N, C-alpha and C. Protein backbone atom coordinates (compact mmCIF):
# COMPACT_ATOMS: atom_id res chain seq x y z
N MET A 1 0.51 -1.29 0.05
CA MET A 1 0.07 -0.02 0.51
C MET A 1 0.45 1.31 0.16
N THR A 2 1.93 1.19 0.39
CA THR A 2 3.03 2.00 0.43
C THR A 2 3.50 2.53 -0.73
N SER A 3 3.71 1.39 -1.54
CA SER A 3 3.91 1.62 -2.80
C SER A 3 3.01 2.51 -4.07
N ALA A 4 1.57 2.33 -3.39
CA ALA A 4 0.45 2.68 -4.65
C ALA A 4 0.15 4.49 -3.80
N SER A 5 0.71 4.53 -2.48
CA SER A 5 0.49 6.35 -1.87
C SER A 5 1.84 6.60 -2.32
N SER A 6 2.69 6.29 -2.78
CA SER A 6 3.68 7.19 -2.90
C SER A 6 3.89 6.94 -4.50
N THR A 7 3.41 6.29 -5.25
CA THR A 7 3.12 6.54 -6.50
C THR A 7 2.14 7.65 -6.87
N SER A 8 0.94 7.45 -5.91
CA SER A 8 0.18 8.72 -6.25
C SER A 8 0.52 10.04 -6.12
N ALA A 9 1.77 10.20 -5.11
CA ALA A 9 2.20 11.10 -4.12
C ALA A 9 3.32 11.56 -5.27
N ARG A 10 3.93 10.67 -6.36
CA ARG A 10 4.82 11.05 -7.41
C ARG A 10 3.99 11.78 -8.56
N SER A 11 2.79 10.95 -8.98
CA SER A 11 2.25 11.49 -9.67
C SER A 11 1.78 12.86 -9.66
N LEU A 12 1.38 12.94 -8.49
CA LEU A 12 1.10 14.26 -7.57
C LEU A 12 1.71 15.79 -7.89
N PHE A 13 2.62 15.14 -7.21
CA PHE A 13 4.01 16.01 -7.23
C PHE A 13 4.39 16.30 -8.86
N GLY A 14 4.00 15.23 -9.92
CA GLY A 14 4.63 15.83 -11.37
C GLY A 14 3.46 16.61 -11.50
N ASP A 15 2.34 16.44 -11.50
CA ASP A 15 1.16 17.31 -11.90
C ASP A 15 1.24 18.84 -11.32
N SER A 16 1.74 18.99 -10.16
CA SER A 16 1.84 19.90 -9.44
C SER A 16 3.06 20.75 -9.97
N LYS A 17 4.07 20.28 -10.43
CA LYS A 17 4.90 20.43 -11.09
C LYS A 17 5.14 20.99 -12.49
N ASN A 18 4.35 20.27 -12.96
CA ASN A 18 3.70 20.69 -14.90
C ASN A 18 2.86 22.20 -14.41
N LEU A 19 2.03 22.03 -13.84
CA LEU A 19 0.89 23.01 -13.43
C LEU A 19 1.90 24.23 -13.40
N LEU A 20 2.75 24.58 -12.47
CA LEU A 20 3.40 25.07 -11.67
C LEU A 20 4.77 26.13 -12.90
N SER A 21 4.83 25.32 -13.71
CA SER A 21 5.67 25.24 -14.84
C SER A 21 4.63 26.11 -15.94
N GLU A 22 3.83 25.17 -16.18
CA GLU A 22 2.81 26.44 -16.95
C GLU A 22 2.29 27.65 -16.68
N ARG A 23 2.20 27.76 -14.81
CA ARG A 23 1.89 29.34 -15.09
C ARG A 23 2.81 30.19 -14.63
N VAL A 24 3.95 29.83 -14.44
CA VAL A 24 5.19 30.42 -14.49
C VAL A 24 5.67 30.98 -16.22
N LYS A 25 5.40 29.99 -17.04
CA LYS A 25 5.55 30.36 -18.69
C LYS A 25 4.48 31.25 -18.80
N LEU A 26 3.36 31.27 -18.33
CA LEU A 26 2.15 31.95 -18.55
C LEU A 26 2.39 33.65 -17.87
N ASN A 27 2.87 33.52 -16.78
CA ASN A 27 3.31 34.71 -16.05
C ASN A 27 4.74 35.28 -16.72
N ILE A 28 5.20 34.85 -17.46
CA ILE A 28 6.28 35.22 -18.23
C ILE A 28 6.16 35.96 -19.60
N ASN A 29 4.87 35.24 -20.32
CA ASN A 29 4.36 35.86 -21.47
C ASN A 29 3.58 36.91 -20.86
N ASN A 30 2.67 36.87 -19.86
CA ASN A 30 1.85 37.68 -19.51
C ASN A 30 2.97 39.18 -19.10
N MET A 31 3.81 38.89 -18.15
CA MET A 31 4.98 40.07 -18.12
C MET A 31 5.63 40.83 -19.60
N SER A 32 5.63 40.16 -20.86
CA SER A 32 6.11 40.18 -22.02
C SER A 32 5.78 41.28 -22.63
N SER A 33 4.23 41.09 -22.35
CA SER A 33 2.92 41.75 -23.11
C SER A 33 3.06 43.12 -22.08
N VAL A 34 3.05 43.05 -20.65
CA VAL A 34 3.18 44.32 -20.34
C VAL A 34 3.97 45.17 -20.08
N ILE A 35 5.16 44.65 -20.66
CA ILE A 35 6.51 45.50 -20.95
C ILE A 35 6.32 45.82 -22.39
N LYS A 36 6.19 45.04 -23.66
CA LYS A 36 5.42 45.80 -25.04
C LYS A 36 4.63 46.98 -24.84
N GLN A 37 3.41 47.18 -24.04
CA GLN A 37 2.89 47.82 -24.05
C GLN A 37 3.04 48.87 -23.22
N ILE A 38 4.11 48.84 -22.02
CA ILE A 38 4.51 49.94 -21.68
C ILE A 38 5.61 50.75 -22.65
N HIS A 39 6.35 49.63 -23.34
CA HIS A 39 7.38 50.61 -24.08
C HIS A 39 6.37 51.02 -25.12
N LYS A 40 5.44 50.60 -25.89
CA LYS A 40 4.08 51.35 -26.43
C LYS A 40 3.80 52.69 -26.26
N SER A 41 3.34 52.52 -24.72
CA SER A 41 2.83 54.02 -24.08
C SER A 41 4.28 54.69 -23.63
N SER A 42 5.35 54.51 -23.73
CA SER A 42 6.34 55.45 -23.38
C SER A 42 6.25 56.14 -25.38
N LYS A 43 6.39 55.56 -26.26
CA LYS A 43 6.40 55.69 -27.51
C LYS A 43 5.11 56.66 -28.20
N SER A 44 4.10 56.52 -27.59
CA SER A 44 2.83 57.23 -27.56
C SER A 44 3.22 58.48 -27.27
N HIS A 45 3.82 58.61 -25.86
CA HIS A 45 3.73 60.11 -24.73
C HIS A 45 4.98 60.91 -25.34
N GLU A 46 5.91 60.20 -26.05
CA GLU A 46 7.27 60.65 -27.16
C GLU A 46 6.45 61.16 -28.24
N LYS A 47 5.40 60.48 -28.92
CA LYS A 47 4.60 61.61 -30.10
C LYS A 47 3.87 62.22 -29.95
N LEU A 48 3.31 62.02 -28.87
CA LEU A 48 1.97 63.35 -28.36
C LEU A 48 2.87 64.42 -27.95
N ASN A 49 4.00 64.39 -27.53
CA ASN A 49 4.91 65.34 -27.06
C ASN A 49 5.44 65.83 -28.75
N GLN A 50 5.63 65.24 -29.20
CA GLN A 50 5.83 65.98 -30.65
C GLN A 50 4.73 66.77 -31.40
N THR A 51 3.48 65.86 -30.91
CA THR A 51 2.86 66.55 -31.59
C THR A 51 2.52 68.30 -31.40
N ILE A 52 2.60 67.70 -29.91
CA ILE A 52 2.30 69.28 -29.19
C ILE A 52 2.71 70.27 -29.36
N LYS A 53 4.52 69.82 -29.56
CA LYS A 53 5.15 70.80 -30.09
C LYS A 53 5.02 71.16 -31.80
N ASN A 54 4.65 70.64 -32.27
CA ASN A 54 4.47 71.08 -33.81
C ASN A 54 3.05 71.67 -33.57
N TYR A 55 1.87 71.27 -33.01
CA TYR A 55 0.79 72.25 -32.91
C TYR A 55 1.27 74.11 -32.43
N SER A 56 2.40 73.77 -31.35
CA SER A 56 2.53 75.39 -31.00
C SER A 56 3.35 75.79 -31.84
N LEU A 57 4.22 75.19 -32.85
CA LEU A 57 4.85 76.29 -33.57
C LEU A 57 4.11 76.56 -34.74
N LEU A 58 2.83 75.44 -34.81
CA LEU A 58 1.73 75.62 -35.76
C LEU A 58 1.09 77.48 -35.96
N GLU A 59 0.79 77.26 -34.42
CA GLU A 59 -0.08 78.24 -33.33
C GLU A 59 0.86 79.83 -33.88
N SER A 60 1.71 79.46 -33.43
CA SER A 60 2.60 80.55 -33.93
C SER A 60 2.68 81.39 -35.23
N ASN A 61 2.59 80.19 -36.29
CA ASN A 61 2.91 80.32 -37.73
C ASN A 61 1.66 81.32 -37.86
N ILE A 62 0.59 80.67 -36.93
CA ILE A 62 -1.28 80.98 -37.62
C ILE A 62 -1.24 82.88 -37.11
N ASP A 63 -0.42 82.98 -36.24
CA ASP A 63 -0.74 84.05 -35.33
C ASP A 63 0.19 85.11 -35.94
N ARG A 64 0.99 84.89 -36.69
CA ARG A 64 1.81 85.63 -37.94
C ARG A 64 1.12 86.11 -38.93
N THR A 65 0.44 84.71 -39.26
CA THR A 65 -0.03 85.01 -40.69
C THR A 65 -1.26 86.00 -40.75
N GLU A 66 -1.77 85.62 -39.09
CA GLU A 66 -3.07 86.69 -39.00
C GLU A 66 -2.94 88.01 -39.12
N HIS A 67 -0.88 88.28 -38.47
CA HIS A 67 -0.81 89.85 -38.20
C HIS A 67 -0.78 90.31 -39.67
N ASN A 68 0.22 89.25 -40.49
CA ASN A 68 0.48 89.57 -42.19
C ASN A 68 -0.53 90.17 -42.80
N LEU A 69 -1.79 89.04 -42.71
CA LEU A 69 -2.95 89.51 -43.43
C LEU A 69 -3.47 90.57 -42.85
N ASN A 70 -3.73 91.17 -41.82
CA ASN A 70 -4.38 92.38 -41.34
C ASN A 70 -3.40 93.27 -41.71
N GLN A 71 -2.05 93.24 -41.71
CA GLN A 71 -0.88 94.71 -42.49
C GLN A 71 -1.82 94.30 -43.58
N LEU A 72 -1.65 93.36 -44.42
CA LEU A 72 -2.33 93.36 -46.34
C LEU A 72 -4.12 94.39 -45.99
N ARG A 73 -4.17 94.09 -45.03
CA ARG A 73 -5.43 94.82 -45.31
C ARG A 73 -5.92 95.89 -44.98
N ASN A 74 -4.93 96.17 -44.26
CA ASN A 74 -4.67 97.96 -43.84
C ASN A 74 -3.70 98.73 -45.05
N VAL A 75 -2.94 97.59 -45.76
CA VAL A 75 -2.80 98.39 -46.98
C VAL A 75 -3.26 97.96 -48.28
N SER A 76 -3.95 97.30 -48.31
CA SER A 76 -4.99 97.52 -49.73
C SER A 76 -6.33 98.62 -49.27
N THR A 77 -6.63 98.82 -47.72
CA THR A 77 -7.68 99.85 -47.89
C THR A 77 -6.81 101.43 -47.81
N ASN A 78 -5.43 101.16 -47.75
CA ASN A 78 -4.86 102.52 -48.04
C ASN A 78 -4.52 102.97 -50.03
N PHE A 79 -4.68 101.61 -50.25
CA PHE A 79 -4.21 101.90 -52.00
C PHE A 79 -5.60 102.07 -52.03
N ASN A 80 -6.71 101.63 -51.88
CA ASN A 80 -8.12 102.17 -52.13
C ASN A 80 -8.57 103.75 -52.13
N GLN A 81 -7.92 104.09 -51.00
CA GLN A 81 -8.43 105.69 -50.31
C GLN A 81 -7.18 106.41 -51.32
N GLN A 82 -6.18 105.89 -51.72
CA GLN A 82 -5.10 106.77 -53.19
C GLN A 82 -6.31 106.68 -53.82
N TYR A 83 -6.47 105.40 -54.40
CA TYR A 83 -7.08 105.15 -55.65
C TYR A 83 -8.50 106.21 -56.12
N ASN A 84 -8.84 106.42 -55.15
CA ASN A 84 -10.57 107.09 -54.60
C ASN A 84 -10.06 108.60 -55.12
N GLU A 85 -8.96 109.06 -54.21
CA GLU A 85 -8.54 110.25 -54.59
C GLU A 85 -8.14 110.78 -55.40
N LEU A 86 -7.20 109.75 -56.40
CA LEU A 86 -6.82 109.82 -57.61
C LEU A 86 -7.60 109.95 -58.36
N ARG A 87 -8.90 109.17 -58.87
CA ARG A 87 -9.36 109.48 -59.63
C ARG A 87 -10.48 111.11 -59.45
N ARG A 88 -10.83 111.17 -58.05
CA ARG A 88 -11.54 112.35 -57.35
C ARG A 88 -10.84 113.53 -58.23
N SER A 89 -9.41 113.66 -58.24
CA SER A 89 -8.20 114.44 -58.59
C SER A 89 -8.25 114.46 -60.05
N ILE A 90 -8.58 113.12 -60.40
CA ILE A 90 -8.49 113.82 -62.12
C ILE A 90 -9.74 114.19 -62.59
N TYR A 91 -10.64 113.96 -62.02
CA TYR A 91 -12.11 114.12 -62.40
C TYR A 91 -11.91 115.71 -62.24
N LEU A 92 -11.47 116.15 -61.27
CA LEU A 92 -11.45 117.44 -60.82
C LEU A 92 -10.60 118.43 -61.94
N ILE A 93 -9.13 117.40 -62.04
CA ILE A 93 -8.81 118.25 -63.39
C ILE A 93 -9.19 118.69 -64.20
N GLU A 94 -10.55 117.37 -65.16
CA GLU A 94 -10.82 117.71 -65.97
C GLU A 94 -12.12 119.07 -66.14
N GLU A 95 -12.32 118.98 -64.97
CA GLU A 95 -13.26 120.31 -64.72
C GLU A 95 -12.58 121.55 -64.79
N VAL A 96 -11.53 121.61 -63.91
CA VAL A 96 -10.36 122.90 -64.32
C VAL A 96 -10.40 122.82 -65.95
N LYS A 97 -9.94 121.63 -66.65
CA LYS A 97 -9.64 122.28 -68.19
C LYS A 97 -10.71 123.13 -68.67
N GLU A 98 -12.08 121.91 -68.52
CA GLU A 98 -13.25 122.38 -69.39
C GLU A 98 -13.54 124.34 -68.55
N HIS A 99 -12.95 124.60 -67.51
CA HIS A 99 -13.47 126.16 -67.22
C HIS A 99 -12.52 126.84 -67.84
N VAL A 100 -11.07 126.26 -67.62
CA VAL A 100 -10.92 127.11 -68.53
C VAL A 100 -10.65 127.16 -70.03
N GLN A 101 -11.06 126.03 -70.65
CA GLN A 101 -11.69 126.27 -72.13
C GLN A 101 -12.47 127.21 -72.64
N THR A 102 -13.41 127.04 -71.29
CA THR A 102 -14.84 127.89 -71.76
C THR A 102 -14.01 129.30 -71.56
N MET A 103 -13.05 129.76 -70.41
CA MET A 103 -12.90 130.92 -70.58
C MET A 103 -11.82 131.74 -71.40
N GLN A 104 -11.41 130.43 -72.55
CA GLN A 104 -9.92 131.35 -73.42
C GLN A 104 -11.39 131.19 -74.23
N ARG A 105 -12.56 131.40 -74.60
CA ARG A 105 -13.49 131.37 -75.81
C ARG A 105 -13.78 132.79 -75.87
């Protein structure tokens, strides 16, 4: 009877050893997955930082572009005013020429 119980004890020990071995392998695989995910997350963080830097650069470019557009609008307004004044002056010159011609007759 002792040999039967020692055989079953050996069998139970072998089964426990195999089960423990499988769990160790599973834990190692899980740790590998966790490490890969952490590595991916750290790269995501780097990408996020780079995106934020690019956005801030873009934002300053947008501000400069807006400033330049405002300056162009001002220049355009000034040109339009000058153009209108020039047309008015030309019209007045034509009127003066007509008056001069009328006076010479």
